[in-house]
N, C-alpha and C. Protein backbone atom coordinates (compact mmCIF):
# COMPACT_ATOMS: atom_id res chain seq x y z
N UNK A 1 -19.21 -8.13 7.48
CA UNK A 1 -18.07 -8.72 7.75
C UNK A 1 -18.48 -10.29 7.76
N UNK A 2 -17.69 -11.01 7.10
CA UNK A 2 -17.73 -12.32 6.89
C UNK A 2 -17.71 -13.15 8.56
N UNK A 3 -18.27 -14.06 8.41
CA UNK A 3 -18.19 -15.08 9.73
C UNK A 3 -16.56 -15.34 9.80
N UNK A 4 -16.12 -15.91 10.94
CA UNK A 4 -14.84 -16.17 11.29
C UNK A 4 -14.22 -17.04 10.65
N UNK A 5 -15.08 -18.30 10.41
CA UNK A 5 -14.51 -19.37 9.58
C UNK A 5 -14.75 -18.92 8.22
N UNK A 6 -14.81 -18.04 7.56
CA UNK A 6 -14.77 -17.65 6.12
C UNK A 6 -13.53 -16.57 5.97
N UNK A 7 -12.93 -16.19 7.09
CA UNK A 7 -11.82 -15.31 6.75
C UNK A 7 -10.56 -15.70 6.64
N UNK A 8 -9.71 -15.36 5.75
CA UNK A 8 -8.76 -15.80 5.14
C UNK A 8 -7.52 -15.33 6.22
N UNK A 9 -6.45 -15.52 6.25
CA UNK A 9 -5.26 -15.06 6.94
C UNK A 9 -5.14 -13.59 6.63
N UNK A 10 -5.14 -13.39 5.53
CA UNK A 10 -4.98 -11.79 5.06
C UNK A 10 -6.17 -10.97 5.72
N UNK A 11 -7.47 -11.45 5.64
CA UNK A 11 -8.58 -10.71 6.47
C UNK A 11 -8.35 -10.54 7.82
N UNK A 12 -7.88 -11.60 8.38
CA UNK A 12 -7.45 -11.69 9.85
C UNK A 12 -6.32 -10.57 10.18
N UNK A 13 -5.42 -10.75 9.24
CA UNK A 13 -4.37 -9.69 9.53
C UNK A 13 -4.79 -8.01 9.26
N UNK A 14 -5.63 -8.13 8.54
CA UNK A 14 -6.25 -6.79 8.26
C UNK A 14 -7.11 -6.28 9.62
N UNK A 15 -7.71 -6.98 10.14
CA UNK A 15 -8.45 -6.78 11.13
C UNK A 15 -7.78 -6.47 12.32
N UNK A 16 -6.53 -7.13 12.80
CA UNK A 16 -5.63 -7.15 13.51
C UNK A 16 -4.99 -5.50 13.58
N UNK A 17 -4.58 -5.27 12.03
CA UNK A 17 -4.20 -4.11 11.92
C UNK A 17 -5.02 -2.70 12.30
N UNK A 18 -6.27 -2.96 11.86
CA UNK A 18 -7.20 -2.09 12.08
C UNK A 18 -7.47 -1.88 13.53
N UNK A 19 -7.60 -2.88 14.34
CA UNK A 19 -7.79 -2.89 15.85
C UNK A 19 -6.66 -2.48 16.59
N UNK A 20 -5.46 -2.95 16.18
CA UNK A 20 -4.32 -2.49 16.97
C UNK A 20 -3.20 -1.76 16.24
N UNK A 21 -3.32 -0.79 15.57
CA UNK A 21 -2.16 -0.29 14.82
C UNK A 21 -1.10 0.09 15.49
N UNK A 22 -1.13 0.45 16.66
CA UNK A 22 0.01 0.85 17.61
C UNK A 22 0.96 -0.45 17.87
N UNK A 23 0.37 -1.78 17.72
CA UNK A 23 1.03 -2.94 18.22
C UNK A 23 1.82 -3.39 16.84
N UNK A 24 1.59 -2.85 15.73
CA UNK A 24 2.24 -3.47 14.57
C UNK A 24 3.73 -3.30 14.31
N UNK A 25 4.22 -2.37 14.81
CA UNK A 25 5.65 -1.97 14.56
C UNK A 25 6.57 -3.14 15.30
N UNK A 26 6.03 -3.28 16.82
CA UNK A 26 6.94 -4.13 17.46
C UNK A 26 6.44 -5.74 17.21
N UNK A 27 5.25 -5.93 16.44
CA UNK A 27 5.10 -7.14 15.81
C UNK A 27 5.96 -7.34 14.60
N UNK A 28 6.03 -6.59 13.73
CA UNK A 28 7.13 -6.75 12.67
C UNK A 28 8.61 -7.09 13.23
N UNK A 29 8.80 -6.08 14.04
CA UNK A 29 10.52 -6.27 14.53
C UNK A 29 10.42 -7.63 15.14
N UNK A 30 9.41 -8.04 15.98
CA UNK A 30 9.60 -9.57 16.46
C UNK A 30 9.76 -10.52 15.41
N UNK A 31 8.86 -10.52 14.41
CA UNK A 31 8.88 -11.46 13.24
C UNK A 31 10.26 -11.32 12.81
N UNK A 32 10.80 -10.14 12.32
CA UNK A 32 12.12 -10.15 11.66
C UNK A 32 13.24 -10.79 12.77
N UNK A 33 12.99 -10.47 14.14
CA UNK A 33 13.79 -11.10 14.91
C UNK A 33 13.88 -12.53 14.98
N UNK A 34 13.00 -13.05 14.92
CA UNK A 34 12.57 -14.68 14.65
C UNK A 34 13.36 -15.10 13.60
N UNK A 35 12.99 -14.52 12.31
CA UNK A 35 13.81 -14.70 11.24
C UNK A 35 15.36 -14.91 11.64
N UNK A 36 16.01 -13.93 12.12
CA UNK A 36 17.24 -14.01 12.40
C UNK A 36 17.87 -14.98 13.43
N UNK A 37 17.09 -15.22 14.47
CA UNK A 37 17.25 -16.09 15.62
C UNK A 37 17.33 -17.49 14.74
N UNK A 38 16.08 -17.68 14.18
CA UNK A 38 16.25 -19.37 13.47
C UNK A 38 17.51 -19.46 12.88
N UNK A 39 17.52 -18.39 11.98
CA UNK A 39 18.72 -18.58 10.85
C UNK A 39 20.25 -18.61 11.84
N UNK A 40 20.34 -17.98 12.89
CA UNK A 40 21.60 -17.80 13.82
C UNK A 40 21.69 -19.17 14.37
N UNK A 41 20.62 -19.90 14.69
CA UNK A 41 20.72 -21.25 14.98
C UNK A 41 20.25 -22.21 14.32
N UNK A 42 20.59 -22.38 12.97
CA UNK A 42 19.91 -23.14 12.07
C UNK A 42 20.12 -24.45 12.20
N UNK A 43 21.29 -24.86 12.68
CA UNK A 43 21.93 -26.36 12.81
C UNK A 43 21.15 -26.95 13.90
N UNK A 44 20.96 -26.16 15.20
CA UNK A 44 20.07 -26.71 16.30
C UNK A 44 19.08 -26.85 16.15
N UNK A 45 18.22 -25.93 15.32
CA UNK A 45 16.89 -25.97 14.55
C UNK A 45 16.74 -26.99 13.80
N UNK A 46 17.47 -27.10 12.82
CA UNK A 46 17.20 -28.33 11.96
C UNK A 46 17.20 -29.61 12.77
N UNK A 47 18.15 -29.99 13.68
CA UNK A 47 18.26 -31.11 14.06
C UNK A 47 17.07 -31.61 15.10
N UNK A 48 16.43 -30.45 15.94
CA UNK A 48 15.30 -30.72 16.52
C UNK A 48 13.96 -30.67 15.78
N UNK A 49 13.99 -30.21 14.46
CA UNK A 49 12.64 -30.18 13.91
C UNK A 49 12.14 -31.51 13.82
N UNK A 50 10.61 -31.46 14.04
CA UNK A 50 10.02 -32.72 14.30
C UNK A 50 8.74 -32.36 13.59
N UNK A 51 8.37 -31.42 12.59
CA UNK A 51 7.27 -30.96 11.90
C UNK A 51 6.93 -32.08 10.71
N UNK A 52 6.10 -32.91 10.91
CA UNK A 52 5.65 -33.63 9.85
C UNK A 52 4.84 -33.12 8.81
N UNK A 53 4.32 -31.67 8.77
CA UNK A 53 3.66 -31.20 7.62
C UNK A 53 4.47 -30.52 6.74
N UNK A 54 5.69 -29.80 7.09
CA UNK A 54 6.76 -29.32 6.23
C UNK A 54 8.15 -29.81 6.76
N UNK A 55 9.22 -29.87 5.76
CA UNK A 55 10.41 -29.98 6.36
C UNK A 55 11.04 -28.75 6.52
N UNK A 56 12.31 -28.85 7.22
CA UNK A 56 12.69 -27.60 7.71
C UNK A 56 13.36 -26.54 6.45
N UNK A 57 13.65 -27.30 5.46
CA UNK A 57 14.01 -26.30 4.30
C UNK A 57 13.02 -25.74 3.53
N UNK A 58 11.90 -26.23 3.77
CA UNK A 58 10.87 -25.21 3.27
C UNK A 58 10.28 -24.16 4.31
N UNK A 59 10.59 -24.41 5.68
CA UNK A 59 10.50 -23.61 6.71
C UNK A 59 11.40 -22.44 6.47
N UNK A 60 12.51 -22.93 6.04
CA UNK A 60 13.72 -21.69 5.75
C UNK A 60 13.21 -20.95 4.71
N UNK A 61 12.79 -21.44 3.48
CA UNK A 61 12.18 -20.85 2.50
C UNK A 61 11.46 -19.69 2.62
N UNK A 62 10.40 -19.96 3.61
CA UNK A 62 9.13 -19.29 4.16
C UNK A 62 9.87 -18.04 4.71
N UNK A 63 10.75 -18.48 5.68
CA UNK A 63 11.35 -17.66 6.66
C UNK A 63 12.28 -16.50 5.70
N UNK A 64 13.01 -17.09 4.84
CA UNK A 64 13.70 -16.29 4.11
C UNK A 64 12.75 -15.17 3.20
N UNK A 65 11.80 -15.76 2.73
CA UNK A 65 10.46 -14.96 1.92
C UNK A 65 10.11 -13.76 2.79
N UNK A 66 9.69 -14.15 4.07
CA UNK A 66 9.23 -13.08 4.87
C UNK A 66 10.17 -12.03 5.43
N UNK A 67 11.41 -12.57 5.67
CA UNK A 67 12.50 -11.71 5.92
C UNK A 67 12.93 -10.39 4.81
N UNK A 68 12.86 -11.10 3.63
CA UNK A 68 13.02 -10.34 2.44
C UNK A 68 12.16 -9.13 2.33
N UNK A 69 10.71 -9.69 2.59
CA UNK A 69 9.53 -8.68 2.33
C UNK A 69 9.78 -7.63 3.51
N UNK A 70 10.23 -7.96 4.79
CA UNK A 70 10.56 -6.98 5.81
C UNK A 70 11.38 -6.01 5.44
N UNK A 71 12.51 -6.43 4.83
CA UNK A 71 13.73 -5.81 4.21
C UNK A 71 13.11 -4.83 3.21
N UNK A 72 12.36 -5.18 2.50
CA UNK A 72 12.10 -4.43 1.18
C UNK A 72 10.79 -3.45 1.54
N UNK A 73 9.98 -3.73 2.35
CA UNK A 73 8.99 -2.69 2.62
C UNK A 73 9.22 -2.03 3.91
N UNK A 74 9.87 -2.38 4.83
CA UNK A 74 10.44 -1.71 5.93
C UNK A 74 9.25 -1.34 6.71
N UNK A 75 9.42 0.27 7.23
CA UNK A 75 8.57 0.73 7.82
C UNK A 75 7.11 0.85 7.28
N UNK A 76 7.14 0.92 5.85
CA UNK A 76 5.87 0.90 5.23
C UNK A 76 4.87 -0.26 5.70
N UNK A 77 5.30 -1.49 6.28
CA UNK A 77 4.39 -2.55 6.77
C UNK A 77 3.76 -1.90 7.89
N UNK A 78 4.52 -1.10 8.88
CA UNK A 78 3.72 -0.45 9.74
C UNK A 78 2.62 0.53 9.59
N UNK A 79 2.67 1.05 8.65
CA UNK A 79 1.59 2.43 7.95
C UNK A 79 0.47 1.93 7.13
N UNK A 80 0.68 0.57 6.44
CA UNK A 80 -0.38 0.43 5.35
C UNK A 80 -0.95 -1.01 5.86
N UNK A 81 -2.03 -0.96 6.08
CA UNK A 81 -2.93 -2.13 6.54
C UNK A 81 -2.84 -3.20 5.16
N UNK A 82 -3.18 -2.76 4.13
CA UNK A 82 -3.07 -3.74 3.02
C UNK A 82 -1.52 -4.34 2.88
N UNK A 83 -0.59 -3.38 2.96
CA UNK A 83 0.71 -3.99 2.71
C UNK A 83 1.17 -5.01 3.78
N UNK A 84 0.88 -4.67 4.80
CA UNK A 84 1.08 -5.36 6.19
C UNK A 84 0.43 -7.02 5.90
N UNK A 85 -0.79 -6.85 5.43
CA UNK A 85 -1.39 -8.33 5.45
C UNK A 85 -1.09 -9.02 4.28
N UNK A 86 -1.19 -8.00 3.00
CA UNK A 86 -0.90 -8.93 2.00
C UNK A 86 0.73 -9.54 1.69
N UNK A 87 1.56 -8.87 2.25
CA UNK A 87 2.91 -9.27 1.96
C UNK A 87 3.50 -10.34 3.30
N UNK A 88 2.65 -10.20 4.38
CA UNK A 88 3.06 -11.22 5.35
C UNK A 88 2.26 -12.32 5.75
N UNK A 89 1.26 -12.38 5.15
CA UNK A 89 0.02 -13.10 5.69
C UNK A 89 -0.66 -14.02 4.24
N UNK A 90 -0.04 -13.45 3.16
CA UNK A 90 -0.79 -14.28 1.95
C UNK A 90 -0.08 -15.73 1.69
N UNK A 91 -0.93 -16.63 1.34
CA UNK A 91 -0.56 -17.92 1.01
C UNK A 91 0.52 -18.61 2.13
N UNK A 92 0.98 -19.21 1.52
CA UNK A 92 2.04 -20.28 2.45
C UNK A 92 2.81 -19.47 3.55
N UNK A 93 3.07 -18.34 3.19
CA UNK A 93 3.73 -17.39 3.99
C UNK A 93 3.14 -17.15 5.39
N UNK A 94 1.79 -17.45 5.34
CA UNK A 94 1.19 -17.46 6.73
C UNK A 94 1.51 -18.57 7.58
N UNK A 95 2.02 -19.54 7.16
CA UNK A 95 2.59 -20.65 8.22
C UNK A 95 3.60 -20.10 8.86
N UNK A 96 4.52 -19.29 8.57
CA UNK A 96 5.51 -18.77 9.11
C UNK A 96 4.88 -17.77 10.21
N UNK A 97 4.24 -16.68 9.63
CA UNK A 97 3.88 -15.31 10.30
C UNK A 97 2.95 -15.99 11.57
N UNK A 98 2.00 -16.62 11.07
CA UNK A 98 1.10 -17.24 12.07
C UNK A 98 1.79 -17.94 13.34
N UNK A 99 2.95 -18.62 12.91
CA UNK A 99 3.83 -19.09 14.10
C UNK A 99 4.32 -17.95 14.97
N UNK A 100 4.84 -17.03 14.17
CA UNK A 100 5.52 -15.99 14.85
C UNK A 100 4.64 -15.15 15.94
N UNK A 101 3.23 -15.01 15.40
CA UNK A 101 2.40 -14.35 16.11
C UNK A 101 1.93 -15.07 17.35
N UNK A 102 1.73 -16.44 17.01
CA UNK A 102 1.55 -17.29 18.36
C UNK A 102 2.57 -17.26 19.47
N UNK A 103 4.10 -17.40 18.86
CA UNK A 103 5.19 -17.05 19.93
C UNK A 103 4.74 -15.78 20.57
N UNK A 104 4.80 -14.75 19.90
CA UNK A 104 4.80 -13.34 20.39
C UNK A 104 3.74 -13.00 21.51
N UNK A 105 2.51 -13.89 21.12
CA UNK A 105 1.47 -13.52 22.43
C UNK A 105 1.14 -14.59 23.33
N UNK A 106 1.87 -15.87 23.21
CA UNK A 106 1.52 -16.78 24.10
C UNK A 106 2.83 -17.31 24.90
N UNK A 107 4.12 -17.42 24.06
CA UNK A 107 5.54 -17.90 24.89
C UNK A 107 5.98 -17.02 25.57
N UNK A 108 5.70 -15.80 25.21
CA UNK A 108 6.28 -14.54 25.81
C UNK A 108 4.82 -13.76 26.41
N UNK A 109 5.17 -13.03 27.49
CA UNK A 109 4.18 -12.61 28.09
C UNK A 109 3.54 -11.25 27.62
N UNK A 110 2.85 -11.03 26.73
CA UNK A 110 2.39 -9.76 25.70
C UNK A 110 1.73 -8.88 26.95
N UNK A 111 2.11 -7.76 27.07
CA UNK A 111 1.45 -6.94 27.87
C UNK A 111 -0.01 -6.40 27.66
N UNK A 112 -0.26 -6.47 26.42
CA UNK A 112 -1.72 -5.82 25.67
C UNK A 112 -2.59 -7.17 25.66
N UNK A 113 -3.34 -7.31 27.01
CA UNK A 113 -4.24 -8.46 27.00
C UNK A 113 -5.27 -8.55 25.95
N UNK A 114 -5.88 -7.33 25.42
CA UNK A 114 -6.69 -7.41 24.26
C UNK A 114 -6.34 -7.59 22.97
N UNK A 115 -4.79 -7.25 22.72
CA UNK A 115 -4.25 -7.87 21.43
C UNK A 115 -4.03 -9.47 21.59
N UNK A 116 -3.56 -9.72 22.79
CA UNK A 116 -3.34 -11.18 22.91
C UNK A 116 -4.74 -11.88 22.75
N UNK A 117 -5.61 -11.47 23.29
CA UNK A 117 -7.14 -12.11 23.02
C UNK A 117 -7.57 -12.17 21.54
N UNK A 118 -7.30 -11.14 20.89
CA UNK A 118 -7.82 -10.99 19.61
C UNK A 118 -6.97 -11.73 18.53
N UNK A 119 -5.64 -11.82 18.75
CA UNK A 119 -4.84 -13.04 18.25
C UNK A 119 -5.07 -14.39 18.44
N UNK A 120 -5.63 -14.52 19.68
CA UNK A 120 -6.05 -16.10 19.89
C UNK A 120 -7.38 -16.16 19.17
N UNK A 121 -8.31 -15.26 19.19
CA UNK A 121 -9.44 -15.40 18.50
C UNK A 121 -9.35 -15.87 17.11
N UNK A 122 -8.50 -14.81 16.31
CA UNK A 122 -8.31 -14.97 14.92
C UNK A 122 -7.57 -16.04 14.55
N UNK A 123 -6.28 -16.28 15.00
CA UNK A 123 -5.15 -17.14 14.60
C UNK A 123 -5.00 -18.51 15.22
N UNK A 124 -5.35 -18.70 16.46
CA UNK A 124 -5.04 -19.99 17.29
C UNK A 124 -6.28 -20.84 17.02
N UNK A 125 -5.78 -22.00 16.54
CA UNK A 125 -7.03 -23.13 16.32
C UNK A 125 -7.74 -23.35 17.74
């Protein structure tokens, strides 16, 4: 295995999938729900956007791509480590999905402490 600082987001997602396969369906459902919630409140989210790294329009582009992949692959994302990691954590899409998993494990109280710790170790700076 590579040292943690050499792991890509795809590598990290594969590890999470391997260690916690039972957590993946709820995580994918949560990510899909975040897509819908952000779009449902687009004007309010746009107004309070203060990220200097990317603009809100690009954030919506990432969100729409993630949502399209969830719709396209559906339940297969829950069953295939490669599909889950490659489709949701590759390239710039990882900006959005990493944010979603941060919210999923920190803003709300996640019941699986080990999953939360693994997410923190692999994805949070």
